[in-house]
C-alpha atoms as a PDB file:
ATOM      1  CA  MET A   1       0.203  -0.029   0.042  1.00  0.00           C
ATOM      2  CA  ALA A   2       1.020   3.608  -0.809  1.00  0.00           C
ATOM      3  CA  LYS A   3       2.102   5.810   1.789  1.00  0.00           C
ATOM      4  CA  ILE A   4      -0.452   8.592   2.520  1.00  0.00           C
ATOM      5  CA  ASP A   5       1.283  12.068   2.252  1.00  0.00           C
ATOM      6  CA  GLU A   6      -0.415  14.134   5.188  1.00  0.00           C
ATOM      7  CA  SER A   7      -0.967  17.446   3.037  1.00  0.00           C
ATOM      8  CA  GLU A   8      -3.315  15.273   0.849  1.00  0.00           C
ATOM      9  CA  LEU A   9      -5.404  14.398   4.158  1.00  0.00           C
ATOM     10  CA  GLY A  10      -6.494  18.128   5.229  1.00  0.00           C
ATOM     11  CA  ASP A  11      -6.851  19.329   8.293  1.00  0.00           C
ATOM     12  CA  ASP A  12     -10.036  17.947   9.778  1.00  0.00           C
ATOM     13  CA  PHE A  13      -9.072  14.443   9.184  1.00  0.00           C
ATOM     14  CA  ASN A  14      -9.888  12.296  11.921  1.00  0.00           C
ATOM     15  CA  TYR A  15      -7.223   9.166  12.183  1.00  0.00           C
ATOM     16  CA  ILE A  16      -9.294   7.441  14.919  1.00  0.00           C
ATOM     17  CA  ILE A  17     -12.962   7.407  14.854  1.00  0.00           C
ATOM     18  CA  ARG A  18     -15.155   6.124  18.031  1.00  0.00           C
ATOM     19  CA  LEU A  19     -17.945   3.817  16.957  1.00  0.00           C
ATOM     20  CA  ALA A  20     -19.919   1.294  19.025  1.00  0.00           C
ATOM     21  CA  ASP A  21     -16.866   1.377  22.189  1.00  0.00           C
ATOM     22  CA  THR A  22     -14.199   0.418  19.703  1.00  0.00           C
ATOM     23  CA  ASP A  23     -11.536   2.556  17.699  1.00  0.00           C
ATOM     24  CA  VAL A  24     -12.364   2.631  14.125  1.00  0.00           C
ATOM     25  CA  ASP A  25      -8.915   3.310  11.795  1.00  0.00           C
ATOM     26  CA  GLY A  26      -9.541   6.628   9.801  1.00  0.00           C
ATOM     27  CA  LEU A  27      -7.103   5.725   6.975  1.00  0.00           C
ATOM     28  CA  THR A  28      -9.161   2.654   5.898  1.00  0.00           C
ATOM     29  CA  PRO A  29     -12.327   2.739   3.855  1.00  0.00           C
ATOM     30  CA  ILE A  30     -15.159   2.802   5.870  1.00  0.00           C
ATOM     31  CA  GLY A  31     -16.891  -0.377   4.317  1.00  0.00           C
ATOM     32  CA  MET A  32     -13.971  -2.118   5.796  1.00  0.00           C
ATOM     33  CA  GLY A  33     -12.791   0.035   8.893  1.00  0.00           C
ATOM     34  CA  LEU A  34     -16.182  -0.934  10.535  1.00  0.00           C
ATOM     35  CA  THR A  35     -15.190  -4.858  10.443  1.00  0.00           C
ATOM     36  CA  SER A  36     -12.732  -3.800  13.438  1.00  0.00           C
ATOM     37  CA  VAL A  37     -15.915  -3.740  15.479  1.00  0.00           C
ATOM     38  CA  ARG A  38     -16.697  -7.108  17.056  1.00  0.00           C
ATOM     39  CA  GLY A  39     -19.667  -8.169  15.568  1.00  0.00           C
ATOM     40  CA  ILE A  40     -19.543  -6.761  12.402  1.00  0.00           C
ATOM     41  CA  GLY A  41     -18.209  -8.404   9.407  1.00  0.00           C
ATOM     42  CA  ALA A  42     -17.301  -7.346   5.758  1.00  0.00           C
ATOM     43  CA  ARG A  43     -21.594  -7.786   4.585  1.00  0.00           C
ATOM     44  CA  THR A  44     -22.666  -6.241   7.925  1.00  0.00           C
ATOM     45  CA  SER A  45     -20.427  -3.515   7.468  1.00  0.00           C
ATOM     46  CA  LEU A  46     -21.342  -2.822   3.631  1.00  0.00           C
ATOM     47  CA  ALA A  47     -25.355  -3.337   4.953  1.00  0.00           C
ATOM     48  CA  ILE A  48     -24.615  -0.396   7.586  1.00  0.00           C
ATOM     49  CA  CYS A  49     -23.305   1.669   4.698  1.00  0.00           C
ATOM     50  CA  ASP A  50     -26.127   1.082   2.742  1.00  0.00           C
ATOM     51  CA  ILE A  51     -28.556   1.730   5.817  1.00  0.00           C
ATOM     52  CA  ALA A  52     -26.561   5.059   6.734  1.00  0.00           C
ATOM     53  CA  GLY A  53     -26.730   6.242   2.825  1.00  0.00           C
ATOM     54  CA  LEU A  54     -22.443   6.351   2.815  1.00  0.00           C
ATOM     55  CA  ASP A  55     -20.195   5.327   0.451  1.00  0.00           C
ATOM     56  CA  LYS A  56     -18.173   2.454   1.245  1.00  0.00           C
ATOM     57  CA  GLU A  57     -15.304   3.812  -0.381  1.00  0.00           C
ATOM     58  CA  LYS A  58     -14.987   6.700   1.535  1.00  0.00           C
ATOM     59  CA  MET A  59     -11.891   7.237   3.975  1.00  0.00           C
ATOM     60  CA  GLY A  60     -13.286   6.685   7.483  1.00  0.00           C
ATOM     61  CA  GLY A  61     -11.129  10.132   8.460  1.00  0.00           C
ATOM     62  CA  HIS A  62     -12.993  12.203   6.247  1.00  0.00           C
ATOM     63  CA  LEU A  63     -16.642  11.393   7.511  1.00  0.00           C
ATOM     64  CA  SER A  64     -18.093  14.564   9.372  1.00  0.00           C
ATOM     65  CA  GLU A  65     -19.857  14.414  12.719  1.00  0.00           C
ATOM     66  CA  LYS A  66     -23.005  14.249  10.892  1.00  0.00           C
ATOM     67  CA  GLU A  67     -21.936  11.290   8.935  1.00  0.00           C
ATOM     68  CA  GLN A  68     -20.590   9.404  12.032  1.00  0.00           C
ATOM     69  CA  GLU A  69     -23.793   9.780  13.956  1.00  0.00           C
ATOM     70  CA  SER A  70     -25.601   8.506  10.784  1.00  0.00           C
ATOM     71  CA  ILE A  71     -23.315   5.393  11.079  1.00  0.00           C
ATOM     72  CA  ARG A  72     -23.926   5.040  14.684  1.00  0.00           C
ATOM     73  CA  GLU A  73     -27.511   5.177  14.091  1.00  0.00           C
ATOM     74  CA  ALA A  74     -27.334   2.856  11.454  1.00  0.00           C
ATOM     75  CA  ILE A  75     -25.748   0.215  13.745  1.00  0.00           C
ATOM     76  CA  GLU A  76     -28.604   0.474  16.307  1.00  0.00           C
ATOM     77  CA  ALA A  77     -31.074  -0.088  13.722  1.00  0.00           C
ATOM     78  CA  TYR A  78     -29.260  -2.633  12.113  1.00  0.00           C
ATOM     79  CA  PRO A  79     -31.512  -5.290  13.483  1.00  0.00           C
ATOM     80  CA  THR A  80     -34.654  -3.833  12.410  1.00  0.00           C
ATOM     81  CA  LYS A  81     -33.631  -3.055   8.831  1.00  0.00           C
ATOM     82  CA  VAL A  82     -31.683  -6.684   7.758  1.00  0.00           C
ATOM     83  CA  PRO A  83     -33.302  -9.901   7.068  1.00  0.00           C
ATOM     84  CA  LEU A  84     -33.482 -12.102   9.976  1.00  0.00           C
ATOM     85  CA  TRP A  85     -30.813 -14.719   8.653  1.00  0.00           C
ATOM     86  CA  MET A  86     -28.032 -11.441   8.911  1.00  0.00           C
ATOM     87  CA  LEU A  87     -28.479 -11.569  12.449  1.00  0.00           C
ATOM     88  CA  ASN A  88     -25.909 -12.715  15.041  1.00  0.00           C
ATOM     89  CA  ARG A  89     -28.090 -13.873  17.664  1.00  0.00           C
ATOM     90  CA  GLN A  90     -31.508 -15.572  16.312  1.00  0.00           C
ATOM     91  CA  ARG A  91     -33.658 -16.769  18.958  1.00  0.00           C
ATOM     92  CA  ASP A  92     -31.862 -15.310  22.007  1.00  0.00           C
ATOM     93  CA  ILE A  93     -32.241 -18.095  24.528  1.00  0.00           C
ATOM     94  CA  GLU A  94     -33.285 -16.144  27.573  1.00  0.00           C
ATOM     95  CA  THR A  95     -35.858 -13.522  25.762  1.00  0.00           C
ATOM     96  CA  GLY A  96     -36.599 -15.153  22.732  1.00  0.00           C
ATOM     97  CA  ASP A  97     -35.902 -11.909  20.580  1.00  0.00           C
ATOM     98  CA  GLU A  98     -33.899 -11.635  17.384  1.00  0.00           C
ATOM     99  CA  LEU A  99     -30.581  -9.476  18.198  1.00  0.00           C
ATOM    100  CA  HIS A 100     -27.733  -8.475  16.769  1.00  0.00           C
ATOM    101  CA  LEU A 101     -24.986  -8.075  19.125  1.00  0.00           C
ATOM    102  CA  PHE A 102     -21.708  -5.652  18.694  1.00  0.00           C
ATOM    103  CA  SER A 103     -18.768  -4.771  20.624  1.00  0.00           C
ATOM    104  CA  MET A 104     -18.120  -6.231  24.395  1.00  0.00           C
ATOM    105  CA  ASP A 105     -22.138  -7.607  24.228  1.00  0.00           C
ATOM    106  CA  VAL A 106     -20.670 -10.378  21.838  1.00  0.00           C
ATOM    107  CA  LYS A 107     -17.945 -11.411  24.233  1.00  0.00           C
ATOM    108  CA  MET A 108     -20.218 -11.347  27.344  1.00  0.00           C
ATOM    109  CA  THR A 109     -22.656 -13.275  25.880  1.00  0.00           C
ATOM    110  CA  GLN A 110     -20.489 -16.010  24.392  1.00  0.00           C
ATOM    111  CA  GLU A 111     -19.013 -16.343  28.129  1.00  0.00           C
ATOM    112  CA  ASP A 112     -22.575 -16.822  29.266  1.00  0.00           C
ATOM    113  CA  ASP A 113     -23.478 -19.741  27.006  1.00  0.00           C
ATOM    114  CA  ILE A 114     -19.956 -21.406  27.976  1.00  0.00           C
ATOM    115  CA  ALA A 115     -20.979 -21.312  31.250  1.00  0.00           C
ATOM    116  CA  ARG A 116     -24.458 -22.255  31.143  1.00  0.00           C
ATOM    117  CA  LEU A 117     -23.184 -25.299  28.942  1.00  0.00           C
ATOM    118  CA  ARG A 118     -20.485 -25.956  31.632  1.00  0.00           C
ATOM    119  CA  ALA A 119     -23.379 -25.803  34.591  1.00  0.00           C
ATOM    120  CA  THR A 120     -25.383 -27.925  32.915  1.00  0.00           C
ATOM    121  CA  LYS A 121     -22.838 -30.503  32.306  1.00  0.00           C
ATOM    122  CA  ALA A 122     -23.682 -30.394  28.605  1.00  0.00           C
ATOM    123  CA  TYR A 123     -21.399 -32.288  26.433  1.00  0.00           C
ATOM    124  CA  ARG A 124     -20.139 -29.301  24.718  1.00  0.00           C
ATOM    125  CA  GLY A 125     -19.395 -27.482  28.253  1.00  0.00           C
ATOM    126  CA  LEU A 126     -17.125 -30.459  29.474  1.00  0.00           C
ATOM    127  CA  ARG A 127     -15.175 -30.015  26.053  1.00  0.00           C
ATOM    128  CA  HIS A 128     -15.350 -26.353  26.493  1.00  0.00           C
ATOM    129  CA  ALA A 129     -13.790 -27.010  30.233  1.00  0.00           C
ATOM    130  CA  SER A 130     -10.986 -29.372  29.154  1.00  0.00           C
ATOM    131  CA  ARG A 131      -9.818 -26.981  26.532  1.00  0.00           C
ATOM    132  CA  LYS A 132     -10.613 -29.599  23.648  1.00  0.00           C
ATOM    133  CA  ARG A 133     -11.877 -29.476  20.339  1.00  0.00           C
ATOM    134  CA  VAL A 134     -15.981 -28.780  20.740  1.00  0.00           C
ATOM    135  CA  ARG A 135     -17.367 -29.536  17.088  1.00  0.00           C
ATOM    136  CA  GLY A 136     -16.540 -32.900  16.433  1.00  0.00           C
ATOM    137  CA  GLN A 137     -13.103 -32.690  15.089  1.00  0.00           C
ATOM    138  CA  ARG A 138     -10.252 -35.212  15.112  1.00  0.00           C
ATOM    139  CA  THR A 139      -8.163 -35.031  18.131  1.00  0.00           C
ATOM    140  CA  ARG A 140      -6.117 -38.107  17.359  1.00  0.00           C
ATOM    141  CA  SER A 141      -3.340 -36.529  14.744  1.00  0.00           C
ATOM    142  CA  ASN A 142      -4.574 -32.795  14.402  1.00  0.00           C
ATOM    143  CA  GLY A 143      -4.193 -30.037  16.870  1.00  0.00           C
ATOM    144  CA  ARG A 144      -1.485 -31.716  19.033  1.00  0.00           C
ATOM    145  CA  THR A 145       0.684 -29.503  21.776  1.00  0.00           C
ATOM    146  CA  GLY A 146       3.317 -30.251  24.009  1.00  0.00           C
ATOM    147  CA  LEU A 147       5.649 -33.001  23.754  1.00  0.00           C
ATOM    148  CA  THR A 148       3.351 -35.353  21.436  1.00  0.00           C
ATOM    149  CA  LEU A 149       4.188 -33.368  18.272  1.00  0.00           C
ATOM    150  CA  GLY A 150       5.672 -36.165  15.906  1.00  0.00           C
ATOM    151  CA  VAL A 151       6.920 -39.765  15.613  1.00  0.00           C
ATOM    152  CA  GLN A 152      10.178 -40.563  17.097  1.00  0.00           C
ATOM    153  CA  ARG A 153      12.460 -43.040  15.268  1.00  0.00           C
ATOM    154  CA  LYS A 154      15.169 -45.414  17.026  1.00  0.00           C
ATOM    155  CA  ASN A 155      18.533 -44.267  17.098  1.00  0.00           C
ATOM    156  CA  ALA A 156      20.431 -46.627  14.944  1.00  0.00           C
END
């Protein structure tokens, strides 16, 4: 990537934008910069740009305060504006609602789910507790750590 001259950026350029309790790099296009927020991937960031009515190729540092506020509002309105299959928390266990979680809510909810599985002694919870593969992957020959990494040959 070519180095950007600071004289091209202007005086009102923001190197860091604060969105959803996360620092977003101002030197990247806003379509890709939003992916630094936990819970926002590439497809979600493009949908947020469409909801906010912004160009996804615009540099994040060139956004005005009004445009930043429109992105914040689009993040809040995201679960109601997209189809259900684009949400990351469908049929929440506690509330039964369709949600899309952002920033620290994603991490806290994941920790709560794992703690619930451990408390009920579910198989997945036991696998999480013993720090083994949870989703049925092979463990005999793959993902080995420690001293059992390879085959030892006999010394001739």
